[in-house]
PDB file of N, CA and C in Angstrom:
ATOM      1  N   MET A   1      17.755   7.783 -20.639  1.00  0.00           N
ATOM      2  CA  MET A   1      16.676   7.352 -19.747  1.00  0.00           C
ATOM      3  C   MET A   1      15.611   6.651 -20.592  1.00  0.00           C
ATOM      4  N   ASN A   2      15.334   5.395 -20.264  1.00  0.00           N
ATOM      5  CA  ASN A   2      14.309   4.679 -21.030  1.00  0.00           C
ATOM      6  C   ASN A   2      12.907   5.058 -20.536  1.00  0.00           C
ATOM      7  N   ALA A   3      11.896   4.591 -21.238  1.00  0.00           N
ATOM      8  CA  ALA A   3      10.514   4.964 -20.928  1.00  0.00           C
ATOM      9  C   ALA A   3      10.100   4.504 -19.531  1.00  0.00           C
ATOM     10  N   PHE A   4      10.531   3.311 -19.130  1.00  0.00           N
ATOM     11  CA  PHE A   4      10.162   2.796 -17.812  1.00  0.00           C
ATOM     12  C   PHE A   4      10.764   3.656 -16.699  1.00  0.00           C
ATOM     13  N   THR A   5      12.033   4.003 -16.835  1.00  0.00           N
ATOM     14  CA  THR A   5      12.700   4.838 -15.841  1.00  0.00           C
ATOM     15  C   THR A   5      12.035   6.198 -15.764  1.00  0.00           C
ATOM     16  N   HIS A   6      11.683   6.733 -16.916  1.00  0.00           N
ATOM     17  CA  HIS A   6      11.017   8.035 -16.953  1.00  0.00           C
ATOM     18  C   HIS A   6       9.657   7.970 -16.242  1.00  0.00           C
ATOM     19  N   MET A   7       8.878   6.930 -16.512  1.00  0.00           N
ATOM     20  CA  MET A   7       7.560   6.806 -15.878  1.00  0.00           C
ATOM     21  C   MET A   7       7.702   6.599 -14.379  1.00  0.00           C
ATOM     22  N   ALA A   8       8.649   5.779 -13.944  1.00  0.00           N
ATOM     23  CA  ALA A   8       8.861   5.552 -12.510  1.00  0.00           C
ATOM     24  C   ALA A   8       9.246   6.850 -11.822  1.00  0.00           C
ATOM     25  N   SER A   9      10.076   7.639 -12.465  1.00  0.00           N
ATOM     26  CA  SER A   9      10.477   8.927 -11.916  1.00  0.00           C
ATOM     27  C   SER A   9       9.275   9.855 -11.792  1.00  0.00           C
ATOM     28  N   PHE A  10       8.413   9.846 -12.802  1.00  0.00           N
ATOM     29  CA  PHE A  10       7.209  10.677 -12.787  1.00  0.00           C
ATOM     30  C   PHE A  10       6.267  10.243 -11.667  1.00  0.00           C
ATOM     31  N   LEU A  11       6.060   8.937 -11.519  1.00  0.00           N
ATOM     32  CA  LEU A  11       5.143   8.433 -10.502  1.00  0.00           C
ATOM     33  C   LEU A  11       5.633   8.740  -9.092  1.00  0.00           C
ATOM     34  N   ASP A  12       6.949   8.731  -8.893  1.00  0.00           N
ATOM     35  CA  ASP A  12       7.500   9.046  -7.577  1.00  0.00           C
ATOM     36  C   ASP A  12       7.219  10.482  -7.162  1.00  0.00           C
ATOM     37  N   LYS A  13       7.018  11.353  -8.125  1.00  0.00           N
ATOM     38  CA  LYS A  13       6.799  12.769  -7.830  1.00  0.00           C
ATOM     39  C   LYS A  13       5.330  13.098  -7.565  1.00  0.00           C
ATOM     40  N   LEU A  14       4.439  12.167  -7.880  1.00  0.00           N
ATOM     41  CA  LEU A  14       3.017  12.412  -7.640  1.00  0.00           C
ATOM     42  C   LEU A  14       2.727  12.404  -6.143  1.00  0.00           C
ATOM     43  N   PRO A  15       1.841  13.294  -5.691  1.00  0.00           N
ATOM     44  CA  PRO A  15       1.495  13.275  -4.261  1.00  0.00           C
ATOM     45  C   PRO A  15       0.766  11.986  -3.917  1.00  0.00           C
ATOM     46  N   LYS A  16       1.120  11.429  -2.791  1.00  0.00           N
ATOM     47  CA  LYS A  16       0.493  10.182  -2.354  1.00  0.00           C
ATOM     48  C   LYS A  16      -0.573  10.501  -1.308  1.00  0.00           C
ATOM     49  N   GLN A  17      -1.585   9.672  -1.302  1.00  0.00           N
ATOM     50  CA  GLN A  17      -2.648   9.794  -0.314  1.00  0.00           C
ATOM     51  C   GLN A  17      -2.056   9.589   1.071  1.00  0.00           C
ATOM     52  N   GLN A  18      -2.444  10.429   2.020  1.00  0.00           N
ATOM     53  CA  GLN A  18      -1.953  10.294   3.385  1.00  0.00           C
ATOM     54  C   GLN A  18      -3.032   9.660   4.262  1.00  0.00           C
ATOM     55  N   ILE A  19      -2.623   8.688   5.046  1.00  0.00           N
ATOM     56  CA  ILE A  19      -3.531   7.950   5.919  1.00  0.00           C
ATOM     57  C   ILE A  19      -3.041   8.112   7.348  1.00  0.00           C
ATOM     58  N   SER A  20      -3.963   8.380   8.251  1.00  0.00           N
ATOM     59  CA  SER A  20      -3.565   8.580   9.647  1.00  0.00           C
ATOM     60  C   SER A  20      -3.094   7.263  10.255  1.00  0.00           C
ATOM     61  N   LYS A  21      -2.205   7.370  11.220  1.00  0.00           N
ATOM     62  CA  LYS A  21      -1.705   6.172  11.908  1.00  0.00           C
ATOM     63  C   LYS A  21      -2.838   5.447  12.610  1.00  0.00           C
ATOM     64  N   GLN A  22      -3.792   6.209  13.129  1.00  0.00           N
ATOM     65  CA  GLN A  22      -4.922   5.606  13.831  1.00  0.00           C
ATOM     66  C   GLN A  22      -5.759   4.752  12.868  1.00  0.00           C
ATOM     67  N   ASP A  23      -6.067   5.289  11.683  1.00  0.00           N
ATOM     68  CA  ASP A  23      -6.832   4.514  10.701  1.00  0.00           C
ATOM     69  C   ASP A  23      -6.059   3.269  10.269  1.00  0.00           C
ATOM     70  N   TYR A  24      -4.742   3.409  10.128  1.00  0.00           N
ATOM     71  CA  TYR A  24      -3.901   2.285   9.728  1.00  0.00           C
ATOM     72  C   TYR A  24      -3.891   1.203  10.809  1.00  0.00           C
ATOM     73  N   GLU A  25      -3.819   1.610  12.066  1.00  0.00           N
ATOM     74  CA  GLU A  25      -3.822   0.643  13.162  1.00  0.00           C
ATOM     75  C   GLU A  25      -5.134  -0.121  13.230  1.00  0.00           C
ATOM     76  N   VAL A  26      -6.248   0.562  12.982  1.00  0.00           N
ATOM     77  CA  VAL A  26      -7.553  -0.112  12.953  1.00  0.00           C
ATOM     78  C   VAL A  26      -7.564  -1.125  11.811  1.00  0.00           C
ATOM     79  N   PHE A  27      -7.061  -0.696  10.646  1.00  0.00           N
ATOM     80  CA  PHE A  27      -6.981  -1.612   9.507  1.00  0.00           C
ATOM     81  C   PHE A  27      -6.166  -2.858   9.860  1.00  0.00           C
ATOM     82  N   CYS A  28      -5.018  -2.670  10.497  1.00  0.00           N
ATOM     83  CA  CYS A  28      -4.152  -3.801  10.847  1.00  0.00           C
ATOM     84  C   CYS A  28      -4.879  -4.796  11.750  1.00  0.00           C
ATOM     85  N   LYS A  29      -5.672  -4.290  12.679  1.00  0.00           N
ATOM     86  CA  LYS A  29      -6.420  -5.178  13.582  1.00  0.00           C
ATOM     87  C   LYS A  29      -7.528  -5.925  12.836  1.00  0.00           C
ATOM     88  N   GLU A  30      -8.141  -5.258  11.867  1.00  0.00           N
ATOM     89  CA  GLU A  30      -9.247  -5.864  11.127  1.00  0.00           C
ATOM     90  C   GLU A  30      -8.776  -6.697   9.942  1.00  0.00           C
ATOM     91  N   TYR A  31      -7.497  -6.621   9.614  1.00  0.00           N
ATOM     92  CA  TYR A  31      -6.963  -7.347   8.460  1.00  0.00           C
ATOM     93  C   TYR A  31      -7.174  -8.852   8.572  1.00  0.00           C
ATOM     94  N   ILE A  32      -7.265  -9.370   9.748  1.00  0.00           N
ATOM     95  CA  ILE A  32      -7.433 -10.815   9.947  1.00  0.00           C
ATOM     96  C   ILE A  32      -8.612 -11.353   9.131  1.00  0.00           C
ATOM     97  N   PHE A  33      -9.672 -10.564   8.997  1.00  0.00           N
ATOM     98  CA  PHE A  33     -10.836 -11.016   8.237  1.00  0.00           C
ATOM     99  C   PHE A  33     -10.521 -11.109   6.746  1.00  0.00           C
ATOM    100  N   ASP A  34      -9.755 -10.125   6.224  1.00  0.00           N
ATOM    101  CA  ASP A  34      -9.335 -10.176   4.827  1.00  0.00           C
ATOM    102  C   ASP A  34      -8.361 -11.324   4.599  1.00  0.00           C
ATOM    103  N   GLN A  35      -7.500 -11.557   5.582  1.00  0.00           N
ATOM    104  CA  GLN A  35      -6.530 -12.646   5.483  1.00  0.00           C
ATOM    105  C   GLN A  35      -7.247 -13.985   5.384  1.00  0.00           C
ATOM    106  N   LEU A  36      -8.317 -14.152   6.131  1.00  0.00           N
ATOM    107  CA  LEU A  36      -9.104 -15.384   6.067  1.00  0.00           C
ATOM    108  C   LEU A  36      -9.736 -15.581   4.694  1.00  0.00           C
ATOM    109  N   ARG A  37      -9.977 -14.470   3.995  1.00  0.00           N
ATOM    110  CA  ARG A  37     -10.527 -14.529   2.633  1.00  0.00           C
ATOM    111  C   ARG A  37      -9.441 -14.723   1.576  1.00  0.00           C
ATOM    112  N   GLY A  38      -8.194 -14.785   2.014  1.00  0.00           N
ATOM    113  CA  GLY A  38      -7.098 -15.028   1.091  1.00  0.00           C
ATOM    114  C   GLY A  38      -6.472 -13.795   0.480  1.00  0.00           C
ATOM    115  N   LYS A  39      -6.778 -12.623   0.993  1.00  0.00           N
ATOM    116  CA  LYS A  39      -6.211 -11.383   0.455  1.00  0.00           C
ATOM    117  C   LYS A  39      -4.862 -11.098   1.096  1.00  0.00           C
ATOM    118  N   SER A  40      -3.952 -10.622   0.278  1.00  0.00           N
ATOM    119  CA  SER A  40      -2.655 -10.205   0.811  1.00  0.00           C
ATOM    120  C   SER A  40      -2.834  -8.902   1.580  1.00  0.00           C
ATOM    121  N   PHE A  41      -1.885  -8.601   2.440  1.00  0.00           N
ATOM    122  CA  PHE A  41      -1.939  -7.380   3.247  1.00  0.00           C
ATOM    123  C   PHE A  41      -1.991  -6.142   2.345  1.00  0.00           C
ATOM    124  N   GLY A  42      -1.119  -6.120   1.337  1.00  0.00           N
ATOM    125  CA  GLY A  42      -1.064  -4.970   0.432  1.00  0.00           C
ATOM    126  C   GLY A  42      -2.347  -4.777  -0.344  1.00  0.00           C
ATOM    127  N   ARG A  43      -2.907  -5.850  -0.843  1.00  0.00           N
ATOM    128  CA  ARG A  43      -4.156  -5.748  -1.598  1.00  0.00           C
ATOM    129  C   ARG A  43      -5.296  -5.267  -0.704  1.00  0.00           C
ATOM    130  N   ALA A  44      -5.390  -5.814   0.496  1.00  0.00           N
ATOM    131  CA  ALA A  44      -6.435  -5.396   1.436  1.00  0.00           C
ATOM    132  C   ALA A  44      -6.281  -3.920   1.791  1.00  0.00           C
ATOM    133  N   PHE A  45      -5.036  -3.474   1.986  1.00  0.00           N
ATOM    134  CA  PHE A  45      -4.773  -2.065   2.284  1.00  0.00           C
ATOM    135  C   PHE A  45      -5.260  -1.178   1.142  1.00  0.00           C
ATOM    136  N   CYS A  46      -4.885  -1.522  -0.072  1.00  0.00           N
ATOM    137  CA  CYS A  46      -5.274  -0.704  -1.228  1.00  0.00           C
ATOM    138  C   CYS A  46      -6.788  -0.645  -1.387  1.00  0.00           C
ATOM    139  N   GLU A  47      -7.458  -1.762  -1.186  1.00  0.00           N
ATOM    140  CA  GLU A  47      -8.914  -1.778  -1.298  1.00  0.00           C
ATOM    141  C   GLU A  47      -9.558  -0.965  -0.185  1.00  0.00           C
ATOM    142  N   ARG A  48      -9.062  -1.105   1.022  1.00  0.00           N
ATOM    143  CA  ARG A  48      -9.652  -0.419   2.172  1.00  0.00           C
ATOM    144  C   ARG A  48      -9.555   1.105   2.050  1.00  0.00           C
ATOM    145  N   PHE A  49      -8.387   1.581   1.593  1.00  0.00           N
ATOM    146  CA  PHE A  49      -8.155   3.024   1.548  1.00  0.00           C
ATOM    147  C   PHE A  49      -8.242   3.594   0.131  1.00  0.00           C
ATOM    148  N   ASP A  50      -8.722   2.801  -0.809  1.00  0.00           N
ATOM    149  CA  ASP A  50      -8.879   3.230  -2.205  1.00  0.00           C
ATOM    150  C   ASP A  50      -7.575   3.807  -2.749  1.00  0.00           C
ATOM    151  N   VAL A  51      -6.501   3.052  -2.543  1.00  0.00           N
ATOM    152  CA  VAL A  51      -5.172   3.442  -3.005  1.00  0.00           C
ATOM    153  C   VAL A  51      -4.868   2.673  -4.283  1.00  0.00           C
ATOM    154  N   ASN A  52      -4.405   3.376  -5.286  1.00  0.00           N
ATOM    155  CA  ASN A  52      -4.055   2.749  -6.556  1.00  0.00           C
ATOM    156  C   ASN A  52      -2.540   2.603  -6.619  1.00  0.00           C
ATOM    157  N   ASP A  53      -2.022   1.556  -5.996  1.00  0.00           N
ATOM    158  CA  ASP A  53      -0.590   1.300  -5.965  1.00  0.00           C
ATOM    159  C   ASP A  53      -0.374  -0.163  -6.335  1.00  0.00           C
ATOM    160  N   THR A  54      -0.045  -0.382  -7.594  1.00  0.00           N
ATOM    161  CA  THR A  54       0.090  -1.735  -8.117  1.00  0.00           C
ATOM    162  C   THR A  54       1.160  -2.527  -7.382  1.00  0.00           C
ATOM    163  N   VAL A  55       2.267  -1.896  -7.054  1.00  0.00           N
ATOM    164  CA  VAL A  55       3.365  -2.609  -6.389  1.00  0.00           C
ATOM    165  C   VAL A  55       2.912  -3.147  -5.041  1.00  0.00           C
ATOM    166  N   ILE A  56       2.323  -2.290  -4.219  1.00  0.00           N
ATOM    167  CA  ILE A  56       1.876  -2.728  -2.893  1.00  0.00           C
ATOM    168  C   ILE A  56       0.769  -3.777  -3.001  1.00  0.00           C
ATOM    169  N   SER A  57      -0.157  -3.574  -3.916  1.00  0.00           N
ATOM    170  CA  SER A  57      -1.270  -4.526  -4.018  1.00  0.00           C
ATOM    171  C   SER A  57      -0.828  -5.908  -4.491  1.00  0.00           C
ATOM    172  N   LEU A  58       0.290  -5.996  -5.197  1.00  0.00           N
ATOM    173  CA  LEU A  58       0.757  -7.290  -5.692  1.00  0.00           C
ATOM    174  C   LEU A  58       1.771  -7.983  -4.780  1.00  0.00           C
ATOM    175  N   LEU A  59       2.236  -7.289  -3.745  1.00  0.00           N
ATOM    176  CA  LEU A  59       3.223  -7.878  -2.833  1.00  0.00           C
ATOM    177  C   LEU A  59       2.604  -8.996  -2.002  1.00  0.00           C
ATOM    178  N   PHE A  60       3.306 -10.110  -1.923  1.00  0.00           N
ATOM    179  CA  PHE A  60       2.847 -11.203  -1.069  1.00  0.00           C
ATOM    180  C   PHE A  60       3.566 -11.192   0.276  1.00  0.00           C
ATOM    181  N   ASP A  61       4.692 -10.508   0.346  1.00  0.00           N
ATOM    182  CA  ASP A  61       5.454 -10.425   1.591  1.00  0.00           C
ATOM    183  C   ASP A  61       4.860  -9.305   2.452  1.00  0.00           C
ATOM    184  N   GLU A  62       4.210  -9.695   3.538  1.00  0.00           N
ATOM    185  CA  GLU A  62       3.519  -8.731   4.399  1.00  0.00           C
ATOM    186  C   GLU A  62       4.472  -7.726   5.030  1.00  0.00           C
ATOM    187  N   ASP A  63       5.655  -8.159   5.416  1.00  0.00           N
ATOM    188  CA  ASP A  63       6.613  -7.248   6.046  1.00  0.00           C
ATOM    189  C   ASP A  63       7.056  -6.145   5.090  1.00  0.00           C
ATOM    190  N   ILE A  64       7.322  -6.508   3.848  1.00  0.00           N
ATOM    191  CA  ILE A  64       7.720  -5.500   2.861  1.00  0.00           C
ATOM    192  C   ILE A  64       6.558  -4.558   2.566  1.00  0.00           C
ATOM    193  N   ALA A  65       5.356  -5.095   2.450  1.00  0.00           N
ATOM    194  CA  ALA A  65       4.173  -4.254   2.207  1.00  0.00           C
ATOM    195  C   ALA A  65       3.983  -3.262   3.351  1.00  0.00           C
ATOM    196  N   ARG A  66       4.136  -3.720   4.580  1.00  0.00           N
ATOM    197  CA  ARG A  66       3.986  -2.823   5.733  1.00  0.00           C
ATOM    198  C   ARG A  66       5.027  -1.697   5.691  1.00  0.00           C
ATOM    199  N   GLU A  67       6.268  -2.029   5.351  1.00  0.00           N
ATOM    200  CA  GLU A  67       7.326  -1.015   5.272  1.00  0.00           C
ATOM    201  C   GLU A  67       7.027   0.009   4.191  1.00  0.00           C
ATOM    202  N   MET A  68       6.607  -0.459   3.026  1.00  0.00           N
ATOM    203  CA  MET A  68       6.296   0.460   1.930  1.00  0.00           C
ATOM    204  C   MET A  68       5.118   1.366   2.278  1.00  0.00           C
ATOM    205  N   ILE A  69       4.136   0.815   2.948  1.00  0.00           N
ATOM    206  CA  ILE A  69       2.971   1.606   3.352  1.00  0.00           C
ATOM    207  C   ILE A  69       3.395   2.673   4.355  1.00  0.00           C
ATOM    208  N   LYS A  70       4.191   2.292   5.334  1.00  0.00           N
ATOM    209  CA  LYS A  70       4.651   3.251   6.343  1.00  0.00           C
ATOM    210  C   LYS A  70       5.460   4.379   5.706  1.00  0.00           C
ATOM    211  N   GLU A  71       6.325   4.033   4.764  1.00  0.00           N
ATOM    212  CA  GLU A  71       7.179   5.038   4.120  1.00  0.00           C
ATOM    213  C   GLU A  71       6.403   5.976   3.195  1.00  0.00           C
ATOM    214  N   ASN A  72       5.344   5.464   2.560  1.00  0.00           N
ATOM    215  CA  ASN A  72       4.688   6.237   1.512  1.00  0.00           C
ATOM    216  C   ASN A  72       3.318   6.805   1.851  1.00  0.00           C
ATOM    217  N   TYR A  73       2.620   6.232   2.820  1.00  0.00           N
ATOM    218  CA  TYR A  73       1.233   6.640   3.019  1.00  0.00           C
ATOM    219  C   TYR A  73       0.853   7.129   4.412  1.00  0.00           C
ATOM    220  N   LEU A  74       1.635   6.822   5.418  1.00  0.00           N
ATOM    221  CA  LEU A  74       1.243   7.225   6.771  1.00  0.00           C
ATOM    222  C   LEU A  74       1.674   8.645   7.069  1.00  0.00           C
ATOM    223  N   GLN A  75       0.817   9.351   7.768  1.00  0.00           N
ATOM    224  CA  GLN A  75       1.113  10.736   8.159  1.00  0.00           C
ATOM    225  C   GLN A  75       2.045  10.751   9.337  1.00  0.00           C
TER     226      GLN A  75
END
């Protein structure tokens, strides 16, 4: 197991912040303002909920970011 695989395995085991579906839905409706400022969906999500997730914040594909957020952060 190389160092990267070991770190990824460790990070997967850390508890993730849980966000309510209601808060997420409000964010999705308000995202249009961040989008007008040129922010990606993932970056806006991380900033809004103070989430430190480099992968999501760097994603430019909104559909993939939404799927990752649903799988990892929604209650």
